[in-house]
Amino acid sequence: TTIQYGGSVSAANAAELFSSPDVDGGLVGGASLK
């Protein structure tokens, strides 16, 4: 099961969040508009 993280995901914090073994991607809000 893919489990994404969402909540103020940005280019600055994405790599650290995605490095966690159970974080399989992101649901991106504001940063997806650029």
Full PDB file with SEQRES, HELIX, SHEET, SSBOND, CRYST1, ORIGX, SCALE, CONECT and MASTER records, all heavy atoms in Angstrom:
SEQRES   1 A   34  THR THR ILE GLN TYR GLY GLY SER VAL SER ALA ALA ASN          
SEQRES   2 A   34  ALA ALA GLU LEU PHE SER SER PRO ASP VAL ASP GLY GLY          
SEQRES   3 A   34  LEU VAL GLY GLY ALA SER LEU LYS                              
HELIX    1 AA1 ALA A   14  PHE A   18  1                                   5    
HELIX    2 AA2 GLY A   30  LEU A   33  5                                   4    
SHEET    1 AA1 2 TYR A   5  GLY A   6  0                                        
SHEET    2 AA1 2 GLY A  26  LEU A  27  1                                        
CRYST1    1.000    1.000    1.000  90.00  90.00  90.00 P 1           1          
ORIGX1      1.000000  0.000000  0.000000        0.00000                         
ORIGX2      0.000000  1.000000  0.000000        0.00000                         
ORIGX3      0.000000  0.000000  1.000000        0.00000                         
SCALE1      1.000000  0.000000  0.000000        0.00000                         
SCALE2      0.000000  1.000000  0.000000        0.00000                         
SCALE3      0.000000  0.000000  1.000000        0.00000                         
ATOM      1  N   THR A   1       0.830  -1.203   0.000  1.00  0.00           N  
ATOM      2  CA  THR A   1       0.000   0.000   0.000  1.00  0.00           C  
ATOM      3  C   THR A   1       0.865   1.255   0.000  1.00  0.00           C  
ATOM      4  O   THR A   1       1.710   1.439   0.876  1.00  0.00           O  
ATOM      5  CB  THR A   1      -0.924   0.023   1.234  1.00  0.00           C  
ATOM      6  OG1 THR A   1      -1.799  -1.109   1.203  1.00  0.00           O  
ATOM      7  CG2 THR A   1      -1.754   1.300   1.263  1.00  0.00           C  
ATOM      8  N   THR A   2       0.656   2.095  -0.991  1.00  0.00           N  
ATOM      9  CA  THR A   2       1.355   3.382  -1.052  1.00  0.00           C  
ATOM     10  C   THR A   2       0.733   4.332  -0.033  1.00  0.00           C  
ATOM     11  O   THR A   2      -0.477   4.572  -0.048  1.00  0.00           O  
ATOM     12  CB  THR A   2       1.240   3.996  -2.458  1.00  0.00           C  
ATOM     13  OG1 THR A   2       1.877   3.132  -3.400  1.00  0.00           O  
ATOM     14  CG2 THR A   2       1.881   5.377  -2.509  1.00  0.00           C  
ATOM     15  N   ILE A   3       1.562   4.880   0.857  1.00  0.00           N  
ATOM     16  CA  ILE A   3       1.109   5.860   1.847  1.00  0.00           C  
ATOM     17  C   ILE A   3       1.895   7.147   1.631  1.00  0.00           C  
ATOM     18  O   ILE A   3       3.104   7.202   1.848  1.00  0.00           O  
ATOM     19  CB  ILE A   3       1.282   5.357   3.293  1.00  0.00           C  
ATOM     20  CG1 ILE A   3       0.602   3.993   3.488  1.00  0.00           C  
ATOM     21  CG2 ILE A   3       0.709   6.381   4.279  1.00  0.00           C  
ATOM     22  CD1 ILE A   3       0.740   3.438   4.895  1.00  0.00           C  
ATOM     23  N   GLN A   4       1.191   8.166   1.178  1.00  0.00           N  
ATOM     24  CA  GLN A   4       1.804   9.463   0.924  1.00  0.00           C  
ATOM     25  C   GLN A   4       1.757  10.328   2.185  1.00  0.00           C  
ATOM     26  O   GLN A   4       0.904  10.157   3.045  1.00  0.00           O  
ATOM     27  CB  GLN A   4       1.041  10.208  -0.171  1.00  0.00           C  
ATOM     28  CG  GLN A   4       0.954   9.504  -1.507  1.00  0.00           C  
ATOM     29  CD  GLN A   4       0.050  10.260  -2.460  1.00  0.00           C  
ATOM     30  OE1 GLN A   4      -1.066  10.623  -2.106  1.00  0.00           O  
ATOM     31  NE2 GLN A   4       0.526  10.524  -3.668  1.00  0.00           N  
ATOM     32  N   TYR A   5       2.669  11.304   2.222  1.00  0.00           N  
ATOM     33  CA  TYR A   5       2.581  12.348   3.245  1.00  0.00           C  
ATOM     34  C   TYR A   5       2.132  13.637   2.585  1.00  0.00           C  
ATOM     35  O   TYR A   5       2.595  13.993   1.493  1.00  0.00           O  
ATOM     36  CB  TYR A   5       3.927  12.588   3.936  1.00  0.00           C  
ATOM     37  CG  TYR A   5       3.878  13.827   4.819  1.00  0.00           C  
ATOM     38  CD1 TYR A   5       3.291  13.759   6.077  1.00  0.00           C  
ATOM     39  CD2 TYR A   5       4.324  15.060   4.355  1.00  0.00           C  
ATOM     40  CE1 TYR A   5       3.179  14.903   6.865  1.00  0.00           C  
ATOM     41  CE2 TYR A   5       4.220  16.202   5.133  1.00  0.00           C  
ATOM     42  CZ  TYR A   5       3.639  16.118   6.389  1.00  0.00           C  
ATOM     43  OH  TYR A   5       3.506  17.241   7.166  1.00  0.00           O  
ATOM     44  N   GLY A   6       1.217  14.361   3.228  1.00  0.00           N  
ATOM     45  CA  GLY A   6       0.791  15.663   2.745  1.00  0.00           C  
ATOM     46  C   GLY A   6       0.745  16.658   3.886  1.00  0.00           C  
ATOM     47  O   GLY A   6       0.357  16.325   4.999  1.00  0.00           O  
ATOM     48  N   GLY A   7       1.113  17.872   3.627  1.00  0.00           N  
ATOM     49  CA  GLY A   7       1.073  18.916   4.649  1.00  0.00           C  
ATOM     50  C   GLY A   7       2.272  19.821   4.536  1.00  0.00           C  
ATOM     51  O   GLY A   7       3.314  19.561   5.144  1.00  0.00           O  
ATOM     52  N   SER A   8       2.167  20.860   3.703  1.00  0.00           N  
ATOM     53  CA  SER A   8       3.252  21.820   3.487  1.00  0.00           C  
ATOM     54  C   SER A   8       4.526  21.144   2.989  1.00  0.00           C  
ATOM     55  O   SER A   8       5.636  21.484   3.409  1.00  0.00           O  
ATOM     56  CB  SER A   8       3.524  22.634   4.760  1.00  0.00           C  
ATOM     57  OG  SER A   8       2.398  23.417   5.106  1.00  0.00           O  
ATOM     58  N   VAL A   9       4.361  20.175   2.080  1.00  0.00           N  
ATOM     59  CA  VAL A   9       5.520  19.571   1.424  1.00  0.00           C  
ATOM     60  C   VAL A   9       6.149  20.602   0.496  1.00  0.00           C  
ATOM     61  O   VAL A   9       5.450  21.279  -0.260  1.00  0.00           O  
ATOM     62  CB  VAL A   9       5.120  18.323   0.616  1.00  0.00           C  
ATOM     63  CG1 VAL A   9       6.344  17.718  -0.071  1.00  0.00           C  
ATOM     64  CG2 VAL A   9       4.443  17.303   1.507  1.00  0.00           C  
ATOM     65  N   SER A  10       7.464  20.724   0.552  1.00  0.00           N  
ATOM     66  CA  SER A  10       8.169  21.689  -0.292  1.00  0.00           C  
ATOM     67  C   SER A  10       9.435  21.048  -0.842  1.00  0.00           C  
ATOM     68  O   SER A  10       9.856  19.974  -0.411  1.00  0.00           O  
ATOM     69  CB  SER A  10       8.544  22.935   0.523  1.00  0.00           C  
ATOM     70  OG  SER A  10       9.531  22.612   1.495  1.00  0.00           O  
ATOM     71  N   ALA A  11      10.051  21.738  -1.800  1.00  0.00           N  
ATOM     72  CA  ALA A  11      11.311  21.243  -2.347  1.00  0.00           C  
ATOM     73  C   ALA A  11      12.385  21.183  -1.264  1.00  0.00           C  
ATOM     74  O   ALA A  11      13.309  20.370  -1.345  1.00  0.00           O  
ATOM     75  CB  ALA A  11      11.757  22.133  -3.505  1.00  0.00           C  
ATOM     76  N   ALA A  12      12.240  22.027  -0.245  1.00  0.00           N  
ATOM     77  CA  ALA A  12      13.252  22.079   0.812  1.00  0.00           C  
ATOM     78  C   ALA A  12      13.153  20.905   1.783  1.00  0.00           C  
ATOM     79  O   ALA A  12      14.170  20.474   2.339  1.00  0.00           O  
ATOM     80  CB  ALA A  12      13.127  23.402   1.577  1.00  0.00           C  
ATOM     81  N   ASN A  13      11.941  20.384   2.008  1.00  0.00           N  
ATOM     82  CA  ASN A  13      11.805  19.311   3.009  1.00  0.00           C  
ATOM     83  C   ASN A  13      11.471  17.950   2.402  1.00  0.00           C  
ATOM     84  O   ASN A  13      11.424  16.949   3.110  1.00  0.00           O  
ATOM     85  CB  ASN A  13      10.750  19.682   4.056  1.00  0.00           C  
ATOM     86  CG  ASN A  13       9.352  19.889   3.478  1.00  0.00           C  
ATOM     87  OD1 ASN A  13       8.947  19.238   2.531  1.00  0.00           O  
ATOM     88  ND2 ASN A  13       8.594  20.810   4.080  1.00  0.00           N  
ATOM     89  N   ALA A  14      11.236  17.904   1.091  1.00  0.00           N  
ATOM     90  CA  ALA A  14      10.757  16.667   0.478  1.00  0.00           C  
ATOM     91  C   ALA A  14      11.743  15.520   0.609  1.00  0.00           C  
ATOM     92  O   ALA A  14      11.363  14.385   0.941  1.00  0.00           O  
ATOM     93  CB  ALA A  14      10.433  16.911  -0.999  1.00  0.00           C  
ATOM     94  N   ALA A  15      13.020  15.775   0.365  1.00  0.00           N  
ATOM     95  CA  ALA A  15      14.003  14.685   0.392  1.00  0.00           C  
ATOM     96  C   ALA A  15      14.061  14.027   1.764  1.00  0.00           C  
ATOM     97  O   ALA A  15      14.129  12.798   1.875  1.00  0.00           O  
ATOM     98  CB  ALA A  15      15.374  15.215  -0.013  1.00  0.00           C  
ATOM     99  N   GLU A  16      14.026  14.834   2.818  1.00  0.00           N  
ATOM    100  CA  GLU A  16      14.073  14.269   4.175  1.00  0.00           C  
ATOM    101  C   GLU A  16      12.813  13.471   4.467  1.00  0.00           C  
ATOM    102  O   GLU A  16      12.886  12.365   5.022  1.00  0.00           O  
ATOM    103  CB  GLU A  16      14.237  15.386   5.206  1.00  0.00           C  
ATOM    104  CG  GLU A  16      14.354  14.856   6.636  1.00  0.00           C  
ATOM    105  CD  GLU A  16      14.518  15.951   7.660  1.00  0.00           C  
ATOM    106  OE1 GLU A  16      14.392  17.138   7.301  1.00  0.00           O  
ATOM    107  OE2 GLU A  16      14.775  15.618   8.840  1.00  0.00           O  
ATOM    108  N   LEU A  17      11.649  14.004   4.097  1.00  0.00           N  
ATOM    109  CA  LEU A  17      10.399  13.279   4.328  1.00  0.00           C  
ATOM    110  C   LEU A  17      10.381  11.964   3.560  1.00  0.00           C  
ATOM    111  O   LEU A  17      10.023  10.915   4.100  1.00  0.00           O  
ATOM    112  CB  LEU A  17       9.211  14.145   3.903  1.00  0.00           C  
ATOM    113  CG  LEU A  17       8.853  15.319   4.807  1.00  0.00           C  
ATOM    114  CD1 LEU A  17       7.914  16.278   4.091  1.00  0.00           C  
ATOM    115  CD2 LEU A  17       8.215  14.838   6.111  1.00  0.00           C  
ATOM    116  N   PHE A  18      10.789  12.008   2.297  1.00  0.00           N  
ATOM    117  CA  PHE A  18      10.718  10.824   1.443  1.00  0.00           C  
ATOM    118  C   PHE A  18      11.766   9.772   1.803  1.00  0.00           C  
ATOM    119  O   PHE A  18      11.676   8.636   1.343  1.00  0.00           O  
ATOM    120  CB  PHE A  18      10.880  11.224  -0.028  1.00  0.00           C  
ATOM    121  CG  PHE A  18       9.768  12.082  -0.566  1.00  0.00           C  
ATOM    122  CD1 PHE A  18       9.940  12.818  -1.739  1.00  0.00           C  
ATOM    123  CD2 PHE A  18       8.542  12.179   0.088  1.00  0.00           C  
ATOM    124  CE1 PHE A  18       8.923  13.605  -2.251  1.00  0.00           C  
ATOM    125  CE2 PHE A  18       7.513  12.973  -0.415  1.00  0.00           C  
ATOM    126  CZ  PHE A  18       7.712  13.693  -1.582  1.00  0.00           C  
ATOM    127  N   SER A  19      12.762  10.154   2.595  1.00  0.00           N  
ATOM    128  CA  SER A  19      13.785   9.184   2.998  1.00  0.00           C  
ATOM    129  C   SER A  19      13.276   8.215   4.058  1.00  0.00           C  
ATOM    130  O   SER A  19      13.901   7.178   4.302  1.00  0.00           O  
ATOM    131  CB  SER A  19      15.022   9.917   3.529  1.00  0.00           C  
ATOM    132  OG  SER A  19      14.738  10.562   4.776  1.00  0.00           O  
ATOM    133  N   SER A  20      12.143   8.527   4.682  1.00  0.00           N  
ATOM    134  CA  SER A  20      11.574   7.638   5.700  1.00  0.00           C  
ATOM    135  C   SER A  20      11.061   6.368   5.025  1.00  0.00           C  
ATOM    136  O   SER A  20      10.440   6.426   3.963  1.00  0.00           O  
ATOM    137  CB  SER A  20      10.437   8.349   6.426  1.00  0.00           C  
ATOM    138  OG  SER A  20      10.903   9.526   7.067  1.00  0.00           O  
ATOM    139  N   PRO A  21      11.282   5.215   5.627  1.00  0.00           N  
ATOM    140  CA  PRO A  21      10.982   3.947   4.951  1.00  0.00           C  
ATOM    141  C   PRO A  21       9.518   3.711   4.646  1.00  0.00           C  
ATOM    142  O   PRO A  21       9.199   2.973   3.711  1.00  0.00           O  
ATOM    143  CB  PRO A  21      11.514   2.885   5.925  1.00  0.00           C  
ATOM    144  CG  PRO A  21      11.638   3.583   7.249  1.00  0.00           C  
ATOM    145  CD  PRO A  21      11.952   5.001   6.931  1.00  0.00           C  
ATOM    146  N   ASP A  22       8.601   4.325   5.406  1.00  0.00           N  
ATOM    147  CA  ASP A  22       7.180   4.105   5.176  1.00  0.00           C  
ATOM    148  C   ASP A  22       6.500   5.271   4.480  1.00  0.00           C  
ATOM    149  O   ASP A  22       5.272   5.281   4.342  1.00  0.00           O  
ATOM    150  CB  ASP A  22       6.463   3.799   6.499  1.00  0.00           C  
ATOM    151  CG  ASP A  22       6.754   2.393   6.980  1.00  0.00           C  
ATOM    152  OD1 ASP A  22       6.301   1.447   6.323  1.00  0.00           O  
ATOM    153  OD2 ASP A  22       7.469   2.240   7.995  1.00  0.00           O  
ATOM    154  N   VAL A  23       7.259   6.260   4.029  1.00  0.00           N  
ATOM    155  CA  VAL A  23       6.704   7.402   3.296  1.00  0.00           C  
ATOM    156  C   VAL A  23       6.961   7.172   1.813  1.00  0.00           C  
ATOM    157  O   VAL A  23       8.105   7.164   1.356  1.00  0.00           O  
ATOM    158  CB  VAL A  23       7.333   8.730   3.764  1.00  0.00           C  
ATOM    159  CG1 VAL A  23       6.790   9.902   2.937  1.00  0.00           C  
ATOM    160  CG2 VAL A  23       7.057   8.961   5.250  1.00  0.00           C  
ATOM    161  N   ASP A  24       5.886   6.979   1.060  1.00  0.00           N  
ATOM    162  CA  ASP A  24       5.992   6.531  -0.330  1.00  0.00           C  
ATOM    163  C   ASP A  24       5.662   7.613  -1.339  1.00  0.00           C  
ATOM    164  O   ASP A  24       5.227   7.336  -2.457  1.00  0.00           O  
ATOM    165  CB  ASP A  24       5.038   5.342  -0.555  1.00  0.00           C  
ATOM    166  CG  ASP A  24       5.249   4.249   0.467  1.00  0.00           C  
ATOM    167  OD1 ASP A  24       6.415   3.904   0.736  1.00  0.00           O  
ATOM    168  OD2 ASP A  24       4.249   3.747   1.013  1.00  0.00           O  
ATOM    169  N   GLY A  25       5.828   8.869  -0.945  1.00  0.00           N  
ATOM    170  CA  GLY A  25       5.524   9.969  -1.844  1.00  0.00           C  
ATOM    171  C   GLY A  25       4.778  11.058  -1.110  1.00  0.00           C  
ATOM    172  O   GLY A  25       4.723  11.082   0.126  1.00  0.00           O  
ATOM    173  N   GLY A  26       4.183  11.962  -1.868  1.00  0.00           N  
ATOM    174  CA  GLY A  26       3.534  13.102  -1.247  1.00  0.00           C  
ATOM    175  C   GLY A  26       2.266  13.519  -1.964  1.00  0.00           C  
ATOM    176  O   GLY A  26       2.099  13.277  -3.161  1.00  0.00           O  
ATOM    177  N   LEU A  27       1.370  14.124  -1.200  1.00  0.00           N  
ATOM    178  CA  LEU A  27       0.216  14.829  -1.744  1.00  0.00           C  
ATOM    179  C   LEU A  27       0.496  16.304  -1.499  1.00  0.00           C  
ATOM    180  O   LEU A  27       0.469  16.773  -0.359  1.00  0.00           O  
ATOM    181  CB  LEU A  27      -1.081  14.382  -1.069  1.00  0.00           C  
ATOM    182  CG  LEU A  27      -2.371  15.031  -1.584  1.00  0.00           C  
ATOM    183  CD1 LEU A  27      -2.547  14.814  -3.075  1.00  0.00           C  
ATOM    184  CD2 LEU A  27      -3.585  14.489  -0.832  1.00  0.00           C  
ATOM    185  N   VAL A  28       0.779  17.017  -2.573  1.00  0.00           N  
ATOM    186  CA  VAL A  28       1.368  18.357  -2.492  1.00  0.00           C  
ATOM    187  C   VAL A  28       0.317  19.399  -2.825  1.00  0.00           C  
ATOM    188  O   VAL A  28      -0.353  19.311  -3.856  1.00  0.00           O  
ATOM    189  CB  VAL A  28       2.556  18.473  -3.473  1.00  0.00           C  
ATOM    190  CG1 VAL A  28       3.236  19.826  -3.336  1.00  0.00           C  
ATOM    191  CG2 VAL A  28       3.547  17.332  -3.243  1.00  0.00           C  
ATOM    192  N   GLY A  29       0.192  20.404  -1.960  1.00  0.00           N  
ATOM    193  CA  GLY A  29      -0.775  21.472  -2.176  1.00  0.00           C  
ATOM    194  C   GLY A  29      -0.166  22.663  -2.879  1.00  0.00           C  
ATOM    195  O   GLY A  29       0.038  22.664  -4.086  1.00  0.00           O  
ATOM    196  N   GLY A  30       0.159  23.702  -2.129  1.00  0.00           N  
ATOM    197  CA  GLY A  30       0.607  24.963  -2.706  1.00  0.00           C  
ATOM    198  C   GLY A  30       1.787  24.838  -3.645  1.00  0.00           C  
ATOM    199  O   GLY A  30       1.843  25.511  -4.683  1.00  0.00           O  
ATOM    200  N   ALA A  31       2.734  23.976  -3.304  1.00  0.00           N  
ATOM    201  CA  ALA A  31       3.936  23.845  -4.129  1.00  0.00           C  
ATOM    202  C   ALA A  31       3.649  23.195  -5.476  1.00  0.00           C  
ATOM    203  O   ALA A  31       4.479  23.250  -6.384  1.00  0.00           O  
ATOM    204  CB  ALA A  31       5.005  23.048  -3.377  1.00  0.00           C  
ATOM    205  N   SER A  32       2.467  22.581  -5.633  1.00  0.00           N  
ATOM    206  CA  SER A  32       2.132  21.969  -6.922  1.00  0.00           C  
ATOM    207  C   SER A  32       1.656  23.006  -7.936  1.00  0.00           C  
ATOM    208  O   SER A  32       1.457  22.684  -9.106  1.00  0.00           O  
ATOM    209  CB  SER A  32       1.055  20.895  -6.743  1.00  0.00           C  
ATOM    210  OG  SER A  32      -0.210  21.467  -6.425  1.00  0.00           O  
ATOM    211  N   LEU A  33       1.485  24.241  -7.488  1.00  0.00           N  
ATOM    212  CA  LEU A  33       1.012  25.300  -8.378  1.00  0.00           C  
ATOM    213  C   LEU A  33       2.144  26.021  -9.098  1.00  0.00           C  
ATOM    214  O   LEU A  33       1.904  26.922  -9.905  1.00  0.00           O  
ATOM    215  CB  LEU A  33       0.184  26.315  -7.579  1.00  0.00           C  
ATOM    216  CG  LEU A  33      -1.072  25.744  -6.906  1.00  0.00           C  
ATOM    217  CD1 LEU A  33      -1.728  26.786  -6.014  1.00  0.00           C  
ATOM    218  CD2 LEU A  33      -2.059  25.230  -7.945  1.00  0.00           C  
ATOM    219  N   LYS A  34       3.390  25.628  -8.799  1.00  0.00           N  
ATOM    220  CA  LYS A  34       4.556  26.182  -9.479  1.00  0.00           C  
ATOM    221  C   LYS A  34       5.354  25.018 -10.043  1.00  0.00           C  
ATOM    222  O   LYS A  34       5.783  24.130  -9.304  1.00  0.00           O  
ATOM    223  CB  LYS A  34       5.412  26.998  -8.507  1.00  0.00           C  
ATOM    224  CG  LYS A  34       4.688  28.215  -7.931  1.00  0.00           C  
ATOM    225  CD  LYS A  34       5.569  28.988  -6.974  1.00  0.00           C  
ATOM    226  CE  LYS A  34       4.850  30.215  -6.415  1.00  0.00           C  
ATOM    227  NZ  LYS A  34       5.698  30.964  -5.442  1.00  0.00           N  
TER     228      LYS A  34                                                      
MASTER        0    0    0    2    2    0    0    6  227    1    0    3          
END                                                                             
